[in-house]
Structure formats: C-alpha cells, structure tokens
PDB file of all heavy atoms in Angstrom:
ATOM      1  N   CYS A   1     104.850   6.152  16.305  1.00  0.00           N
ATOM      2  CA  CYS A   1     104.026   6.473  15.145  1.00  0.00           C
ATOM      3  C   CYS A   1     102.655   6.983  15.599  1.00  0.00           C
ATOM      4  O   CYS A   1     102.255   6.821  16.753  1.00  0.00           O
ATOM      5  CB  CYS A   1     103.879   5.262  14.228  1.00  0.00           C
ATOM      6  SG  CYS A   1     102.971   3.891  14.942  1.00  0.00           S
ATOM      7  N   ASN A   2     101.934   7.607  14.684  1.00  0.00           N
ATOM      8  CA  ASN A   2     100.638   8.198  15.010  1.00  0.00           C
ATOM      9  C   ASN A   2      99.616   7.144  15.427  1.00  0.00           C
ATOM     10  O   ASN A   2      98.796   7.388  16.312  1.00  0.00           O
ATOM     11  CB  ASN A   2     100.100   9.003  13.828  1.00  0.00           C
ATOM     12  CG  ASN A   2     100.905  10.254  13.589  1.00  0.00           C
ATOM     13  OD1 ASN A   2     101.508  10.791  14.498  1.00  0.00           O
ATOM     14  ND2 ASN A   2     100.937  10.697  12.343  1.00  0.00           N
ATOM     15  N   ASP A   3      99.653   5.973  14.794  1.00  0.00           N
ATOM     16  CA  ASP A   3      98.715   4.911  15.153  1.00  0.00           C
ATOM     17  C   ASP A   3      98.897   4.474  16.609  1.00  0.00           C
ATOM     18  O   ASP A   3      97.926   4.365  17.358  1.00  0.00           O
ATOM     19  CB  ASP A   3      98.895   3.700  14.233  1.00  0.00           C
ATOM     20  CG  ASP A   3      98.584   4.024  12.788  1.00  0.00           C
ATOM     21  OD1 ASP A   3      97.804   4.968  12.550  1.00  0.00           O
ATOM     22  OD2 ASP A   3      99.128   3.331  11.912  1.00  0.00           O
ATOM     23  N   CYS A   4     100.128   4.241  17.012  1.00  0.00           N
ATOM     24  CA  CYS A   4     100.392   3.816  18.393  1.00  0.00           C
ATOM     25  C   CYS A   4     100.086   4.933  19.375  1.00  0.00           C
ATOM     26  O   CYS A   4      99.541   4.687  20.452  1.00  0.00           O
ATOM     27  CB  CYS A   4     101.846   3.380  18.540  1.00  0.00           C
ATOM     28  SG  CYS A   4     102.228   1.861  17.657  1.00  0.00           S
ATOM     29  N   SER A   5     100.420   6.146  19.021  1.00  0.00           N
ATOM     30  CA  SER A   5     100.138   7.282  19.894  1.00  0.00           C
ATOM     31  C   SER A   5      98.641   7.451  20.116  1.00  0.00           C
ATOM     32  O   SER A   5      98.191   7.655  21.252  1.00  0.00           O
ATOM     33  CB  SER A   5     100.735   8.553  19.291  1.00  0.00           C
ATOM     34  OG  SER A   5     100.465   9.653  20.104  1.00  0.00           O
ATOM     35  N   ASN A   6      97.860   7.350  19.040  1.00  0.00           N
ATOM     36  CA  ASN A   6      96.406   7.474  19.167  1.00  0.00           C
ATOM     37  C   ASN A   6      95.831   6.320  19.984  1.00  0.00           C
ATOM     38  O   ASN A   6      94.939   6.529  20.817  1.00  0.00           O
ATOM     39  CB  ASN A   6      95.746   7.507  17.792  1.00  0.00           C
ATOM     40  CG  ASN A   6      96.054   8.787  17.059  1.00  0.00           C
ATOM     41  OD1 ASN A   6      96.371   9.803  17.666  1.00  0.00           O
ATOM     42  ND2 ASN A   6      95.966   8.741  15.742  1.00  0.00           N
ATOM     43  N   ARG A   7      96.327   5.120  19.764  1.00  0.00           N
ATOM     44  CA  ARG A   7      95.831   3.961  20.497  1.00  0.00           C
ATOM     45  C   ARG A   7      96.104   4.098  21.994  1.00  0.00           C
ATOM     46  O   ARG A   7      95.230   3.847  22.828  1.00  0.00           O
ATOM     47  CB  ARG A   7      96.474   2.682  19.960  1.00  0.00           C
ATOM     48  CG  ARG A   7      95.901   1.430  20.577  1.00  0.00           C
ATOM     49  CD  ARG A   7      96.503   0.167  20.005  1.00  0.00           C
ATOM     50  NE  ARG A   7      97.872   0.011  20.456  1.00  0.00           N
ATOM     51  CZ  ARG A   7      98.932  -0.062  19.674  1.00  0.00           C
ATOM     52  NH1 ARG A   7      98.802  -0.006  18.364  1.00  0.00           N
ATOM     53  NH2 ARG A   7     100.141  -0.197  20.157  1.00  0.00           N
ATOM     54  N   ILE A   8      97.293   4.551  22.352  1.00  0.00           N
ATOM     55  CA  ILE A   8      97.640   4.726  23.759  1.00  0.00           C
ATOM     56  C   ILE A   8      96.804   5.826  24.394  1.00  0.00           C
ATOM     57  O   ILE A   8      96.310   5.679  25.520  1.00  0.00           O
ATOM     58  CB  ILE A   8      99.143   5.012  23.907  1.00  0.00           C
ATOM     59  CG1 ILE A   8      99.930   3.743  23.611  1.00  0.00           C
ATOM     60  CG2 ILE A   8      99.475   5.540  25.296  1.00  0.00           C
ATOM     61  CD1 ILE A   8     101.405   3.938  23.565  1.00  0.00           C
ATOM     62  N   SER A   9      96.607   6.932  23.684  1.00  0.00           N
ATOM     63  CA  SER A   9      95.817   8.027  24.255  1.00  0.00           C
ATOM     64  C   SER A   9      94.353   7.619  24.439  1.00  0.00           C
ATOM     65  O   SER A   9      93.728   7.980  25.442  1.00  0.00           O
ATOM     66  CB  SER A   9      95.925   9.284  23.396  1.00  0.00           C
ATOM     67  OG  SER A   9      95.399   9.050  22.119  1.00  0.00           O
ATOM     68  N   GLU A  10      93.799   6.835  23.510  1.00  0.00           N
ATOM     69  CA  GLU A  10      92.410   6.371  23.654  1.00  0.00           C
ATOM     70  C   GLU A  10      92.266   5.427  24.839  1.00  0.00           C
ATOM     71  O   GLU A  10      91.326   5.537  25.626  1.00  0.00           O
ATOM     72  CB  GLU A  10      91.953   5.669  22.379  1.00  0.00           C
ATOM     73  CG  GLU A  10      91.729   6.595  21.217  1.00  0.00           C
ATOM     74  CD  GLU A  10      91.480   5.860  19.918  1.00  0.00           C
ATOM     75  OE1 GLU A  10      91.432   4.607  19.932  1.00  0.00           O
ATOM     76  OE2 GLU A  10      91.339   6.534  18.890  1.00  0.00           O
ATOM     77  N   LYS A  11      93.213   4.501  24.989  1.00  0.00           N
ATOM     78  CA  LYS A  11      93.136   3.554  26.096  1.00  0.00           C
ATOM     79  C   LYS A  11      93.355   4.251  27.437  1.00  0.00           C
ATOM     80  O   LYS A  11      92.712   3.912  28.432  1.00  0.00           O
ATOM     81  CB  LYS A  11      94.141   2.426  25.904  1.00  0.00           C
ATOM     82  CG  LYS A  11      93.767   1.525  24.759  1.00  0.00           C
ATOM     83  CD  LYS A  11      94.596   0.282  24.748  1.00  0.00           C
ATOM     84  CE  LYS A  11      94.122  -0.581  23.602  1.00  0.00           C
ATOM     85  NZ  LYS A  11      94.138  -1.981  23.926  1.00  0.00           N
ATOM     86  N   THR A  12      94.231   5.229  27.467  1.00  0.00           N
ATOM     87  CA  THR A  12      94.456   5.984  28.700  1.00  0.00           C
ATOM     88  C   THR A  12      93.215   6.773  29.070  1.00  0.00           C
ATOM     89  O   THR A  12      92.817   6.814  30.237  1.00  0.00           O
ATOM     90  CB  THR A  12      95.662   6.928  28.540  1.00  0.00           C
ATOM     91  OG1 THR A  12      96.807   6.158  28.189  1.00  0.00           O
ATOM     92  CG2 THR A  12      95.934   7.687  29.821  1.00  0.00           C
ATOM     93  N   GLN A  13      92.586   7.402  28.092  1.00  0.00           N
ATOM     94  CA  GLN A  13      91.365   8.157  28.350  1.00  0.00           C
ATOM     95  C   GLN A  13      90.261   7.237  28.860  1.00  0.00           C
ATOM     96  O   GLN A  13      89.518   7.600  29.772  1.00  0.00           O
ATOM     97  CB  GLN A  13      90.912   8.884  27.078  1.00  0.00           C
ATOM     98  CG  GLN A  13      89.832   9.897  27.311  1.00  0.00           C
ATOM     99  CD  GLN A  13      90.269  11.010  28.236  1.00  0.00           C
ATOM    100  OE1 GLN A  13      91.427  11.411  28.244  1.00  0.00           O
ATOM    101  NE2 GLN A  13      89.359  11.522  29.024  1.00  0.00           N
ATOM    102  N   ALA A  14      90.164   6.036  28.318  1.00  0.00           N
ATOM    103  CA  ALA A  14      89.162   5.078  28.785  1.00  0.00           C
ATOM    104  C   ALA A  14      89.446   4.662  30.227  1.00  0.00           C
ATOM    105  O   ALA A  14      88.515   4.512  31.025  1.00  0.00           O
ATOM    106  CB  ALA A  14      89.144   3.853  27.874  1.00  0.00           C
ATOM    107  N   ARG A  15      90.707   4.501  30.587  1.00  0.00           N
ATOM    108  CA  ARG A  15      91.055   4.146  31.964  1.00  0.00           C
ATOM    109  C   ARG A  15      90.759   5.299  32.921  1.00  0.00           C
ATOM    110  O   ARG A  15      90.338   5.069  34.057  1.00  0.00           O
ATOM    111  CB  ARG A  15      92.537   3.780  32.054  1.00  0.00           C
ATOM    112  CG  ARG A  15      92.830   2.418  31.470  1.00  0.00           C
ATOM    113  CD  ARG A  15      94.299   2.093  31.475  1.00  0.00           C
ATOM    114  NE  ARG A  15      94.891   2.211  32.780  1.00  0.00           N
ATOM    115  CZ  ARG A  15      96.181   2.467  32.986  1.00  0.00           C
ATOM    116  NH1 ARG A  15      96.992   2.655  31.963  1.00  0.00           N
ATOM    117  NH2 ARG A  15      96.657   2.553  34.205  1.00  0.00           N
ATOM    118  N   ILE A  16      90.978   6.525  32.487  1.00  0.00           N
ATOM    119  CA  ILE A  16      90.679   7.686  33.329  1.00  0.00           C
ATOM    120  C   ILE A  16      89.187   7.755  33.600  1.00  0.00           C
ATOM    121  O   ILE A  16      88.753   8.038  34.724  1.00  0.00           O
ATOM    122  CB  ILE A  16      91.186   8.983  32.667  1.00  0.00           C
ATOM    123  CG1 ILE A  16      92.711   9.017  32.695  1.00  0.00           C
ATOM    124  CG2 ILE A  16      90.619  10.213  33.356  1.00  0.00           C
ATOM    125  CD1 ILE A  16      93.311  10.142  31.887  1.00  0.00           C
ATOM    126  N   GLU A  17      88.375   7.460  32.598  1.00  0.00           N
ATOM    127  CA  GLU A  17      86.930   7.541  32.744  1.00  0.00           C
ATOM    128  C   GLU A  17      86.369   6.464  33.670  1.00  0.00           C
ATOM    129  O   GLU A  17      85.307   6.655  34.251  1.00  0.00           O
ATOM    130  CB  GLU A  17      86.257   7.472  31.380  1.00  0.00           C
ATOM    131  CG  GLU A  17      86.509   8.705  30.543  1.00  0.00           C
ATOM    132  CD  GLU A  17      86.048   8.565  29.114  1.00  0.00           C
ATOM    133  OE1 GLU A  17      85.553   7.472  28.750  1.00  0.00           O
ATOM    134  OE2 GLU A  17      86.186   9.537  28.364  1.00  0.00           O
ATOM    135  N   THR A  18      87.078   5.336  33.843  1.00  0.00           N
ATOM    136  CA  THR A  18      86.595   4.298  34.745  1.00  0.00           C
ATOM    137  C   THR A  18      86.761   4.703  36.198  1.00  0.00           C
ATOM    138  O   THR A  18      86.062   4.188  37.064  1.00  0.00           O
ATOM    139  CB  THR A  18      87.341   2.971  34.523  1.00  0.00           C
ATOM    140  OG1 THR A  18      88.732   3.162  34.811  1.00  0.00           O
ATOM    141  CG2 THR A  18      87.148   2.451  33.128  1.00  0.00           C
ATOM    142  N   GLY A  19      87.668   5.598  36.488  1.00  0.00           N
ATOM    143  CA  GLY A  19      87.899   6.029  37.858  1.00  0.00           C
ATOM    144  C   GLY A  19      88.973   5.232  38.568  1.00  0.00           C
ATOM    145  O   GLY A  19      89.308   5.524  39.709  1.00  0.00           O
ATOM    146  N   ASN A  20      89.529   4.218  37.942  1.00  0.00           N
ATOM    147  CA  ASN A  20      90.573   3.396  38.555  1.00  0.00           C
ATOM    148  C   ASN A  20      91.976   3.900  38.239  1.00  0.00           C
ATOM    149  O   ASN A  20      92.944   3.291  38.656  1.00  0.00           O
ATOM    150  CB  ASN A  20      90.460   1.943  38.092  1.00  0.00           C
ATOM    151  CG  ASN A  20      89.181   1.305  38.566  1.00  0.00           C
ATOM    152  OD1 ASN A  20      88.664   1.674  39.610  1.00  0.00           O
ATOM    153  ND2 ASN A  20      88.655   0.368  37.801  1.00  0.00           N
ATOM    154  N   PHE A  21      92.066   4.969  37.507  1.00  0.00           N
ATOM    155  CA  PHE A  21      93.350   5.505  37.087  1.00  0.00           C
ATOM    156  C   PHE A  21      93.745   6.617  38.039  1.00  0.00           C
ATOM    157  O   PHE A  21      92.967   7.514  38.327  1.00  0.00           O
ATOM    158  CB  PHE A  21      93.231   6.039  35.657  1.00  0.00           C
ATOM    159  CG  PHE A  21      94.535   6.456  35.058  1.00  0.00           C
ATOM    160  CD1 PHE A  21      95.409   5.526  34.551  1.00  0.00           C
ATOM    161  CD2 PHE A  21      94.893   7.795  34.990  1.00  0.00           C
ATOM    162  CE1 PHE A  21      96.603   5.901  33.982  1.00  0.00           C
ATOM    163  CE2 PHE A  21      96.081   8.174  34.424  1.00  0.00           C
ATOM    164  CZ  PHE A  21      96.939   7.230  33.921  1.00  0.00           C
ATOM    165  N   LYS A  22      94.954   6.560  38.578  1.00  0.00           N
ATOM    166  CA  LYS A  22      95.414   7.580  39.511  1.00  0.00           C
ATOM    167  C   LYS A  22      96.597   8.323  38.911  1.00  0.00           C
ATOM    168  O   LYS A  22      97.502   7.715  38.353  1.00  0.00           O
ATOM    169  CB  LYS A  22      95.852   6.950  40.822  1.00  0.00           C
ATOM    170  CG  LYS A  22      94.725   6.307  41.582  1.00  0.00           C
ATOM    171  CD  LYS A  22      95.230   5.735  42.880  1.00  0.00           C
ATOM    172  CE  LYS A  22      94.112   5.047  43.621  1.00  0.00           C
ATOM    173  NZ  LYS A  22      94.566   4.433  44.866  1.00  0.00           N
ATOM    174  N   PHE A  23      96.565   9.626  39.047  1.00  0.00           N
ATOM    175  CA  PHE A  23      97.703  10.440  38.654  1.00  0.00           C
ATOM    176  C   PHE A  23      98.607  10.580  39.865  1.00  0.00           C
ATOM    177  O   PHE A  23      98.185  11.046  40.922  1.00  0.00           O
ATOM    178  CB  PHE A  23      97.259  11.833  38.204  1.00  0.00           C
ATOM    179  CG  PHE A  23      96.625  11.853  36.854  1.00  0.00           C
ATOM    180  CD1 PHE A  23      95.269  12.050  36.712  1.00  0.00           C
ATOM    181  CD2 PHE A  23      97.387  11.692  35.717  1.00  0.00           C
ATOM    182  CE1 PHE A  23      94.689  12.080  35.468  1.00  0.00           C
ATOM    183  CE2 PHE A  23      96.814  11.722  34.473  1.00  0.00           C
ATOM    184  CZ  PHE A  23      95.460  11.913  34.348  1.00  0.00           C
ATOM    185  N   TYR A  24      99.833  10.166  39.731  1.00  0.00           N
ATOM    186  CA  TYR A  24     100.790  10.289  40.822  1.00  0.00           C
ATOM    187  C   TYR A  24     101.632  11.535  40.598  1.00  0.00           C
ATOM    188  O   TYR A  24     102.830  11.468  40.432  1.00  0.00           O
ATOM    189  CB  TYR A  24     101.668   9.045  40.911  1.00  0.00           C
ATOM    190  CG  TYR A  24     100.895   7.828  41.333  1.00  0.00           C
ATOM    191  CD1 TYR A  24     100.518   6.868  40.413  1.00  0.00           C
ATOM    192  CD2 TYR A  24     100.529   7.651  42.652  1.00  0.00           C
ATOM    193  CE1 TYR A  24      99.808   5.752  40.797  1.00  0.00           C
ATOM    194  CE2 TYR A  24      99.811   6.539  43.048  1.00  0.00           C
ATOM    195  CZ  TYR A  24      99.456   5.600  42.128  1.00  0.00           C
ATOM    196  OH  TYR A  24      98.748   4.506  42.512  1.00  0.00           O
ATOM    197  N   ARG A  25     100.976  12.645  40.625  1.00  0.00           N
ATOM    198  CA  ARG A  25     101.671  13.919  40.458  1.00  0.00           C
ATOM    199  C   ARG A  25     101.782  14.584  41.817  1.00  0.00           C
ATOM    200  O   ARG A  25     100.868  14.539  42.625  1.00  0.00           O
ATOM    201  CB  ARG A  25     100.913  14.828  39.504  1.00  0.00           C
ATOM    202  CG  ARG A  25     100.888  14.295  38.104  1.00  0.00           C
ATOM    203  CD  ARG A  25     100.195  15.266  37.197  1.00  0.00           C
ATOM    204  NE  ARG A  25     100.147  14.723  35.850  1.00  0.00           N
ATOM    205  CZ  ARG A  25      99.358  15.178  34.913  1.00  0.00           C
ATOM    206  NH1 ARG A  25      98.542  16.177  35.144  1.00  0.00           N
ATOM    207  NH2 ARG A  25      99.392  14.648  33.703  1.00  0.00           N
ATOM    208  N   LYS A  26     102.881  15.205  42.015  1.00  0.00           N
ATOM    209  CA  LYS A  26     103.103  15.889  43.273  1.00  0.00           C
ATOM    210  C   LYS A  26     102.279  17.173  43.294  1.00  0.00           C
ATOM    211  O   LYS A  26     102.353  17.974  42.368  1.00  0.00           O
ATOM    212  CB  LYS A  26     104.598  16.205  43.418  1.00  0.00           C
ATOM    213  CG  LYS A  26     104.989  16.663  44.768  1.00  0.00           C
ATOM    214  CD  LYS A  26     106.495  16.814  44.834  1.00  0.00           C
ATOM    215  CE  LYS A  26     106.927  17.174  46.212  1.00  0.00           C
ATOM    216  NZ  LYS A  26     108.375  17.336  46.294  1.00  0.00           N
ATOM    217  N   ARG A  27     101.504  17.318  44.311  1.00  0.00           N
ATOM    218  CA  ARG A  27     100.694  18.520  44.419  1.00  0.00           C
ATOM    219  C   ARG A  27     101.563  19.676  44.888  1.00  0.00           C
ATOM    220  O   ARG A  27     102.318  19.546  45.859  1.00  0.00           O
ATOM    221  CB  ARG A  27      99.548  18.316  45.394  1.00  0.00           C
ATOM    222  CG  ARG A  27      98.563  17.333  44.882  1.00  0.00           C
ATOM    223  CD  ARG A  27      97.394  17.277  45.796  1.00  0.00           C
ATOM    224  NE  ARG A  27      96.484  16.237  45.340  1.00  0.00           N
ATOM    225  CZ  ARG A  27      95.216  16.206  45.632  1.00  0.00           C
ATOM    226  NH1 ARG A  27      94.689  17.131  46.389  1.00  0.00           N
ATOM    227  NH2 ARG A  27      94.462  15.237  45.176  1.00  0.00           N
ATOM    228  N   SER A  28     101.435  20.772  44.222  1.00  0.00           N
ATOM    229  CA  SER A  28     102.240  21.933  44.618  1.00  0.00           C
ATOM    230  C   SER A  28     101.476  22.706  45.693  1.00  0.00           C
ATOM    231  O   SER A  28     100.294  23.004  45.551  1.00  0.00           O
ATOM    232  CB  SER A  28     102.511  22.823  43.412  1.00  0.00           C
ATOM    233  OG  SER A  28     101.297  23.300  42.900  1.00  0.00           O
ATOM    234  N   GLU A  29     102.156  22.957  46.761  1.00  0.00           N
ATOM    235  CA  GLU A  29     101.561  23.717  47.839  1.00  0.00           C
ATOM    236  C   GLU A  29     101.827  25.192  47.602  1.00  0.00           C
ATOM    237  O   GLU A  29     102.932  25.576  47.228  1.00  0.00           O
ATOM    238  CB  GLU A  29     102.162  23.285  49.170  1.00  0.00           C
ATOM    239  CG  GLU A  29     101.893  21.837  49.503  1.00  0.00           C
ATOM    240  CD  GLU A  29     102.556  21.441  50.802  1.00  0.00           C
ATOM    241  OE1 GLU A  29     103.053  22.335  51.515  1.00  0.00           O
ATOM    242  OE2 GLU A  29     102.579  20.238  51.082  1.00  0.00           O
ATOM    243  N   LYS A  30     100.811  25.999  47.856  1.00  0.00           N
ATOM    244  CA  LYS A  30     101.001  27.423  47.670  1.00  0.00           C
ATOM    245  C   LYS A  30     101.901  27.954  48.778  1.00  0.00           C
ATOM    246  O   LYS A  30     101.708  27.661  49.944  1.00  0.00           O
ATOM    247  CB  LYS A  30      99.654  28.155  47.708  1.00  0.00           C
ATOM    248  CG  LYS A  30      98.882  28.025  46.443  1.00  0.00           C
ATOM    249  CD  LYS A  30      97.767  28.999  46.439  1.00  0.00           C
ATOM    250  CE  LYS A  30      97.120  29.019  45.077  1.00  0.00           C
ATOM    251  NZ  LYS A  30      96.045  29.998  45.032  1.00  0.00           N
ATOM    252  N   ASP A  31     102.848  28.712  48.367  1.00  0.00           N
ATOM    253  CA  ASP A  31     103.783  29.302  49.314  1.00  0.00           C
ATOM    254  C   ASP A  31     103.531  30.799  49.358  1.00  0.00           C
ATOM    255  O   ASP A  31     103.635  31.482  48.340  1.00  0.00           O
ATOM    256  CB  ASP A  31     105.218  29.002  48.870  1.00  0.00           C
ATOM    257  CG  ASP A  31     106.218  29.313  49.958  1.00  0.00           C
ATOM    258  OD1 ASP A  31     105.792  29.518  51.114  1.00  0.00           O
ATOM    259  OD2 ASP A  31     107.405  29.339  49.649  1.00  0.00           O
ATOM    260  N   ASP A  32     103.136  31.287  50.499  1.00  0.00           N
ATOM    261  CA  ASP A  32     102.856  32.719  50.650  1.00  0.00           C
ATOM    262  C   ASP A  32     104.115  33.504  51.006  1.00  0.00           C
ATOM    263  O   ASP A  32     104.138  34.301  51.921  1.00  0.00           O
ATOM    264  CB  ASP A  32     101.781  32.932  51.731  1.00  0.00           C
ATOM    265  CG  ASP A  32     100.465  32.327  51.366  1.00  0.00           C
ATOM    266  OD1 ASP A  32     100.209  32.218  50.152  1.00  0.00           O
ATOM    267  OD2 ASP A  32      99.694  31.958  52.270  1.00  0.00           O
TER     268      ASP A  32
END
C-alpha cells in the first residue's frame, strides 16, 4: 500500500543520509 511504501522510502532515505547504508551493487567496468 502507499502508506507502507512511503514509510519504507522515508526510512531508507534517512539511513542513506546517515552514511551507514551501503549499496551492494555490482560496479560495471567499462569495456573498451
């Protein structure tokens, strides 16, 4: 629901702003 979605996005944004949140995304290397 929209309420839960908004709540999760706000809490995630707050965690990102603290600096303790890490994105575990694979970095794409440029291939020439």
